[in-house]
Amino acid sequence: MPTIVPVIAFALLTLPVQQDHKPAAKPLQCMSGPIQRSFGGTEWLTYGCDDRRTLIVVSAPDNPATPFVFTITKTDRGLRISGEGNGDQRSTATAFEDLKKLSEEVFDQMLREAETRP
């Protein structure tokens, strides 16, 4: 029995692995803009992405939230907002509250405006 286990283990290791051969997703390019906006009483720089469904909102240099970035994506269920960074938490929290109030119409307007400033 002890010699069977290594043989089975070797057989399992040499089996071909089934993999999906889907092409890698194209990296998101967010080069349109920036447009300057105020969220939570602080200044933010907003960039449009080439998927035309995503905005990147970056804390401006003098913003106490620096460094921090929000990603806003338009989905079938509305706008999805995520953020990351380690700037001042109060500044990011108040900006997040403002961003949650964005309508899809304002989002689309910001995206169009960013596209005019490549």
N, C-alpha and C. Protein backbone atom coordinates (compact mmCIF):
# COMPACT_ATOMS: atom_id res chain seq x y z
N MET A 1 0.81 -1.21 0.00
CA MET A 1 0.00 0.00 0.00
C MET A 1 0.85 1.27 0.00
N PRO A 2 1.96 1.34 0.77
CA PRO A 2 2.75 2.56 0.77
C PRO A 2 3.29 2.93 -0.61
N THR A 3 3.56 1.98 -1.50
CA THR A 3 4.07 2.33 -2.83
C THR A 3 2.96 2.80 -3.77
N ILE A 4 1.74 2.47 -3.46
CA ILE A 4 0.62 2.89 -4.31
C ILE A 4 0.36 4.39 -4.15
N VAL A 5 0.47 4.91 -2.95
CA VAL A 5 0.19 6.32 -2.71
C VAL A 5 1.10 7.22 -3.54
N PRO A 6 2.43 7.02 -3.58
CA PRO A 6 3.27 7.88 -4.42
C PRO A 6 2.93 7.75 -5.91
N VAL A 7 2.55 6.56 -6.35
CA VAL A 7 2.20 6.37 -7.76
C VAL A 7 0.94 7.15 -8.09
N ILE A 8 -0.06 7.09 -7.22
CA ILE A 8 -1.30 7.84 -7.45
C ILE A 8 -1.03 9.34 -7.41
N ALA A 9 -0.22 9.76 -6.47
CA ALA A 9 0.11 11.19 -6.37
C ALA A 9 0.82 11.65 -7.63
N PHE A 10 1.76 10.84 -8.14
CA PHE A 10 2.46 11.20 -9.37
C PHE A 10 1.49 11.27 -10.54
N ALA A 11 0.57 10.33 -10.61
CA ALA A 11 -0.41 10.33 -11.70
C ALA A 11 -1.28 11.58 -11.65
N LEU A 12 -1.69 11.99 -10.46
CA LEU A 12 -2.51 13.19 -10.34
C LEU A 12 -1.74 14.44 -10.72
N LEU A 13 -0.46 14.48 -10.39
CA LEU A 13 0.35 15.65 -10.71
C LEU A 13 0.61 15.78 -12.21
N THR A 14 0.58 14.69 -12.93
CA THR A 14 0.88 14.74 -14.37
C THR A 14 -0.36 14.87 -15.24
N LEU A 15 -1.56 14.87 -14.64
CA LEU A 15 -2.77 15.07 -15.43
C LEU A 15 -2.81 16.48 -15.99
N PRO A 16 -3.29 16.62 -17.22
CA PRO A 16 -3.40 17.98 -17.76
C PRO A 16 -4.44 18.78 -16.99
N VAL A 17 -4.17 20.05 -16.84
CA VAL A 17 -5.07 20.93 -16.11
C VAL A 17 -5.95 21.66 -17.12
N GLN A 18 -7.25 21.61 -16.89
CA GLN A 18 -8.20 22.33 -17.75
C GLN A 18 -8.14 23.81 -17.41
N GLN A 19 -7.89 24.64 -18.39
CA GLN A 19 -7.85 26.08 -18.17
C GLN A 19 -8.71 26.77 -19.21
N ASP A 20 -9.35 27.85 -18.78
CA ASP A 20 -10.07 28.69 -19.73
C ASP A 20 -9.04 29.48 -20.52
N HIS A 21 -9.25 29.58 -21.78
CA HIS A 21 -8.31 30.32 -22.62
C HIS A 21 -8.93 31.62 -23.08
N LYS A 22 -9.56 32.32 -22.14
CA LYS A 22 -10.13 33.62 -22.45
C LYS A 22 -9.00 34.64 -22.53
N PRO A 23 -9.10 35.55 -23.49
CA PRO A 23 -8.04 36.58 -23.55
C PRO A 23 -8.09 37.45 -22.31
N ALA A 24 -6.93 37.92 -21.90
CA ALA A 24 -6.85 38.79 -20.73
C ALA A 24 -7.62 40.07 -20.99
N ALA A 25 -8.27 40.57 -19.96
CA ALA A 25 -9.02 41.82 -20.10
C ALA A 25 -8.04 42.96 -20.36
N LYS A 26 -8.46 43.86 -21.23
CA LYS A 26 -7.63 45.02 -21.54
C LYS A 26 -7.56 45.91 -20.31
N PRO A 27 -6.37 46.35 -19.93
CA PRO A 27 -6.25 47.22 -18.76
C PRO A 27 -7.05 48.51 -18.96
N LEU A 28 -7.69 48.95 -17.91
CA LEU A 28 -8.49 50.16 -17.95
C LEU A 28 -7.56 51.37 -18.05
N GLN A 29 -7.82 52.26 -19.00
CA GLN A 29 -7.04 53.47 -19.18
C GLN A 29 -7.89 54.66 -18.73
N CYS A 30 -7.40 55.42 -17.77
CA CYS A 30 -8.15 56.56 -17.22
C CYS A 30 -7.31 57.82 -17.40
N MET A 31 -7.25 58.28 -18.63
CA MET A 31 -6.37 59.38 -18.98
C MET A 31 -7.12 60.66 -19.34
N SER A 32 -8.44 60.62 -19.46
CA SER A 32 -9.20 61.82 -19.81
C SER A 32 -9.35 62.71 -18.58
N GLY A 33 -9.10 63.99 -18.77
CA GLY A 33 -9.21 64.92 -17.65
C GLY A 33 -7.84 65.40 -17.25
N PRO A 34 -7.72 65.94 -16.08
CA PRO A 34 -8.70 65.92 -14.99
C PRO A 34 -9.66 67.12 -15.05
N ILE A 35 -10.79 66.91 -14.41
CA ILE A 35 -11.67 68.01 -14.10
C ILE A 35 -11.65 68.16 -12.58
N GLN A 36 -11.72 69.37 -12.12
CA GLN A 36 -11.65 69.62 -10.68
C GLN A 36 -13.06 69.73 -10.12
N ARG A 37 -13.29 69.05 -9.00
CA ARG A 37 -14.58 69.07 -8.32
C ARG A 37 -14.35 69.13 -6.82
N SER A 38 -15.36 69.61 -6.13
CA SER A 38 -15.31 69.64 -4.66
C SER A 38 -16.29 68.60 -4.13
N PHE A 39 -15.79 67.72 -3.28
CA PHE A 39 -16.61 66.72 -2.60
C PHE A 39 -16.25 66.77 -1.12
N GLY A 40 -17.24 66.89 -0.28
CA GLY A 40 -16.99 66.95 1.16
C GLY A 40 -16.22 68.19 1.57
N GLY A 41 -16.32 69.25 0.78
CA GLY A 41 -15.63 70.49 1.12
C GLY A 41 -14.16 70.49 0.79
N THR A 42 -13.68 69.49 0.06
CA THR A 42 -12.27 69.43 -0.34
C THR A 42 -12.19 69.22 -1.85
N GLU A 43 -11.02 69.53 -2.41
CA GLU A 43 -10.84 69.46 -3.86
C GLU A 43 -10.36 68.08 -4.31
N TRP A 44 -10.93 67.64 -5.44
CA TRP A 44 -10.62 66.34 -6.02
C TRP A 44 -10.43 66.49 -7.51
N LEU A 45 -9.57 65.66 -8.09
CA LEU A 45 -9.32 65.63 -9.53
C LEU A 45 -9.99 64.38 -10.10
N THR A 46 -10.79 64.57 -11.13
CA THR A 46 -11.58 63.46 -11.68
C THR A 46 -11.12 63.15 -13.10
N TYR A 47 -10.88 61.86 -13.34
CA TYR A 47 -10.44 61.36 -14.64
C TYR A 47 -11.46 60.39 -15.19
N GLY A 48 -11.70 60.47 -16.50
CA GLY A 48 -12.58 59.53 -17.17
C GLY A 48 -11.80 58.35 -17.73
N CYS A 49 -12.43 57.19 -17.74
CA CYS A 49 -11.77 55.98 -18.23
C CYS A 49 -12.32 55.57 -19.60
N ASP A 50 -11.51 54.83 -20.34
CA ASP A 50 -11.87 54.48 -21.72
C ASP A 50 -13.03 53.50 -21.83
N ASP A 51 -13.47 52.91 -20.73
CA ASP A 51 -14.64 52.03 -20.81
C ASP A 51 -15.95 52.83 -20.82
N ARG A 52 -15.83 54.16 -20.59
CA ARG A 52 -16.96 55.09 -20.55
C ARG A 52 -17.99 54.71 -19.48
N ARG A 53 -17.54 53.98 -18.47
CA ARG A 53 -18.40 53.59 -17.35
C ARG A 53 -17.71 53.83 -16.01
N THR A 54 -16.50 54.38 -16.04
CA THR A 54 -15.71 54.52 -14.81
C THR A 54 -15.09 55.90 -14.72
N LEU A 55 -15.17 56.47 -13.50
CA LEU A 55 -14.47 57.70 -13.16
C LEU A 55 -13.51 57.40 -12.01
N ILE A 56 -12.35 58.00 -12.08
CA ILE A 56 -11.38 57.91 -11.00
C ILE A 56 -11.30 59.29 -10.35
N VAL A 57 -11.51 59.36 -9.05
CA VAL A 57 -11.52 60.62 -8.31
C VAL A 57 -10.34 60.60 -7.34
N VAL A 58 -9.36 61.46 -7.60
CA VAL A 58 -8.10 61.47 -6.85
C VAL A 58 -8.03 62.73 -6.00
N SER A 59 -7.60 62.58 -4.76
CA SER A 59 -7.45 63.75 -3.89
C SER A 59 -6.44 64.72 -4.51
N ALA A 60 -6.82 66.00 -4.55
CA ALA A 60 -5.93 67.05 -5.08
C ALA A 60 -4.74 67.21 -4.13
N PRO A 61 -3.63 67.77 -4.62
CA PRO A 61 -2.42 67.86 -3.80
C PRO A 61 -2.59 68.49 -2.42
N ASP A 62 -3.39 69.54 -2.29
CA ASP A 62 -3.55 70.19 -0.98
C ASP A 62 -4.69 69.62 -0.14
N ASN A 63 -5.31 68.57 -0.62
CA ASN A 63 -6.43 67.94 0.08
C ASN A 63 -5.91 67.14 1.28
N PRO A 64 -6.47 67.31 2.48
CA PRO A 64 -6.00 66.53 3.62
C PRO A 64 -6.25 65.02 3.46
N ALA A 65 -7.08 64.64 2.49
CA ALA A 65 -7.33 63.22 2.24
C ALA A 65 -6.19 62.56 1.48
N THR A 66 -5.26 63.35 0.98
CA THR A 66 -4.14 62.81 0.19
C THR A 66 -3.27 61.88 1.03
N PRO A 67 -2.95 60.71 0.55
CA PRO A 67 -3.31 60.12 -0.72
C PRO A 67 -4.59 59.29 -0.60
N PHE A 68 -5.52 59.53 -1.53
CA PHE A 68 -6.75 58.75 -1.55
C PHE A 68 -7.33 58.79 -2.95
N VAL A 69 -7.94 57.69 -3.36
CA VAL A 69 -8.58 57.60 -4.67
C VAL A 69 -9.91 56.86 -4.55
N PHE A 70 -10.93 57.40 -5.20
CA PHE A 70 -12.22 56.73 -5.31
C PHE A 70 -12.37 56.24 -6.75
N THR A 71 -13.00 55.11 -6.92
CA THR A 71 -13.37 54.59 -8.23
C THR A 71 -14.89 54.53 -8.26
N ILE A 72 -15.49 55.17 -9.25
CA ILE A 72 -16.94 55.16 -9.40
C ILE A 72 -17.25 54.48 -10.72
N THR A 73 -18.01 53.41 -10.65
CA THR A 73 -18.35 52.64 -11.84
C THR A 73 -19.86 52.58 -12.01
N LYS A 74 -20.30 52.85 -13.22
CA LYS A 74 -21.72 52.76 -13.55
C LYS A 74 -22.05 51.30 -13.87
N THR A 75 -22.99 50.73 -13.14
CA THR A 75 -23.39 49.34 -13.33
C THR A 75 -24.88 49.30 -13.67
N ASP A 76 -25.39 48.12 -13.93
CA ASP A 76 -26.82 47.95 -14.20
C ASP A 76 -27.66 48.30 -12.97
N ARG A 77 -27.05 48.28 -11.81
CA ARG A 77 -27.76 48.58 -10.55
C ARG A 77 -27.50 49.99 -10.04
N GLY A 78 -26.84 50.80 -10.81
CA GLY A 78 -26.52 52.16 -10.38
C GLY A 78 -25.03 52.37 -10.26
N LEU A 79 -24.64 53.36 -9.48
CA LEU A 79 -23.22 53.68 -9.32
C LEU A 79 -22.62 52.89 -8.17
N ARG A 80 -21.45 52.32 -8.41
CA ARG A 80 -20.71 51.59 -7.37
C ARG A 80 -19.47 52.41 -7.06
N ILE A 81 -19.28 52.69 -5.78
CA ILE A 81 -18.16 53.53 -5.34
C ILE A 81 -17.26 52.73 -4.42
N SER A 82 -15.98 52.76 -4.71
CA SER A 82 -15.00 52.15 -3.81
C SER A 82 -13.87 53.15 -3.63
N GLY A 83 -13.12 53.00 -2.57
CA GLY A 83 -12.03 53.93 -2.31
C GLY A 83 -10.91 53.27 -1.55
N GLU A 84 -9.73 53.84 -1.72
CA GLU A 84 -8.58 53.34 -0.96
C GLU A 84 -7.53 54.44 -0.82
N GLY A 85 -6.81 54.36 0.24
CA GLY A 85 -5.76 55.33 0.53
C GLY A 85 -5.62 55.47 2.02
N ASN A 86 -4.73 56.34 2.44
CA ASN A 86 -4.53 56.51 3.88
C ASN A 86 -4.39 57.98 4.27
N GLY A 87 -5.20 58.81 3.62
CA GLY A 87 -5.27 60.21 4.01
C GLY A 87 -6.20 60.39 5.20
N ASP A 88 -6.52 61.64 5.50
CA ASP A 88 -7.39 61.97 6.62
C ASP A 88 -8.76 61.30 6.44
N GLN A 89 -9.16 60.50 7.43
CA GLN A 89 -10.40 59.74 7.33
C GLN A 89 -11.64 60.62 7.34
N ARG A 90 -11.63 61.71 8.06
CA ARG A 90 -12.80 62.60 8.06
C ARG A 90 -13.01 63.21 6.68
N SER A 91 -11.93 63.59 6.03
CA SER A 91 -12.04 64.16 4.69
C SER A 91 -12.55 63.14 3.67
N THR A 92 -12.07 61.93 3.77
CA THR A 92 -12.53 60.91 2.83
C THR A 92 -13.99 60.53 3.12
N ALA A 93 -14.36 60.49 4.38
CA ALA A 93 -15.74 60.12 4.74
C ALA A 93 -16.74 61.17 4.24
N THR A 94 -16.42 62.45 4.39
CA THR A 94 -17.35 63.49 3.92
C THR A 94 -17.40 63.51 2.39
N ALA A 95 -16.28 63.26 1.74
CA ALA A 95 -16.28 63.18 0.27
C ALA A 95 -17.12 61.98 -0.19
N PHE A 96 -16.98 60.87 0.51
CA PHE A 96 -17.75 59.66 0.17
C PHE A 96 -19.25 59.93 0.29
N GLU A 97 -19.66 60.65 1.32
CA GLU A 97 -21.08 60.98 1.49
C GLU A 97 -21.58 61.81 0.31
N ASP A 98 -20.77 62.77 -0.15
CA ASP A 98 -21.15 63.55 -1.33
C ASP A 98 -21.21 62.69 -2.58
N LEU A 99 -20.23 61.81 -2.75
CA LEU A 99 -20.20 60.96 -3.94
C LEU A 99 -21.41 60.02 -3.99
N LYS A 100 -21.87 59.57 -2.84
CA LYS A 100 -23.04 58.68 -2.81
C LYS A 100 -24.29 59.39 -3.32
N LYS A 101 -24.29 60.71 -3.31
CA LYS A 101 -25.45 61.49 -3.76
C LYS A 101 -25.44 61.75 -5.27
N LEU A 102 -24.35 61.39 -5.95
CA LEU A 102 -24.27 61.64 -7.39
C LEU A 102 -25.37 60.88 -8.12
N SER A 103 -26.02 61.57 -9.03
CA SER A 103 -26.99 60.88 -9.89
C SER A 103 -26.24 60.33 -11.10
N GLU A 104 -26.87 59.41 -11.80
CA GLU A 104 -26.25 58.87 -13.00
C GLU A 104 -26.10 59.96 -14.06
N GLU A 105 -27.03 60.91 -14.07
CA GLU A 105 -26.95 62.01 -15.03
C GLU A 105 -25.72 62.88 -14.76
N VAL A 106 -25.46 63.20 -13.50
CA VAL A 106 -24.27 63.99 -13.15
C VAL A 106 -23.01 63.18 -13.45
N PHE A 107 -23.03 61.90 -13.16
CA PHE A 107 -21.90 61.02 -13.48
C PHE A 107 -21.59 61.10 -14.98
N ASP A 108 -22.63 60.93 -15.82
CA ASP A 108 -22.44 60.98 -17.27
C ASP A 108 -21.90 62.33 -17.71
N GLN A 109 -22.40 63.40 -17.10
CA GLN A 109 -21.94 64.75 -17.42
C GLN A 109 -20.45 64.90 -17.07
N MET A 110 -20.05 64.41 -15.92
CA MET A 110 -18.64 64.49 -15.51
C MET A 110 -17.76 63.69 -16.47
N LEU A 111 -18.24 62.52 -16.87
CA LEU A 111 -17.48 61.68 -17.79
C LEU A 111 -17.30 62.40 -19.14
N ARG A 112 -18.37 63.01 -19.65
CA ARG A 112 -18.27 63.75 -20.92
C ARG A 112 -17.32 64.94 -20.78
N GLU A 113 -17.40 65.65 -19.66
CA GLU A 113 -16.52 66.79 -19.45
C GLU A 113 -15.06 66.36 -19.38
N ALA A 114 -14.79 65.25 -18.70
CA ALA A 114 -13.42 64.75 -18.61
C ALA A 114 -12.89 64.38 -19.99
N GLU A 115 -13.75 63.83 -20.84
CA GLU A 115 -13.32 63.43 -22.18
C GLU A 115 -12.93 64.62 -23.04
N THR A 116 -13.42 65.81 -22.71
CA THR A 116 -13.05 66.99 -23.50
C THR A 116 -11.70 67.56 -23.07
N ARG A 117 -11.11 67.00 -22.03
CA ARG A 117 -9.80 67.47 -21.51
C ARG A 117 -8.79 66.34 -21.47
N PRO A 118 -8.40 65.89 -22.65
CA PRO A 118 -7.43 64.78 -22.69
C PRO A 118 -6.03 65.21 -22.28
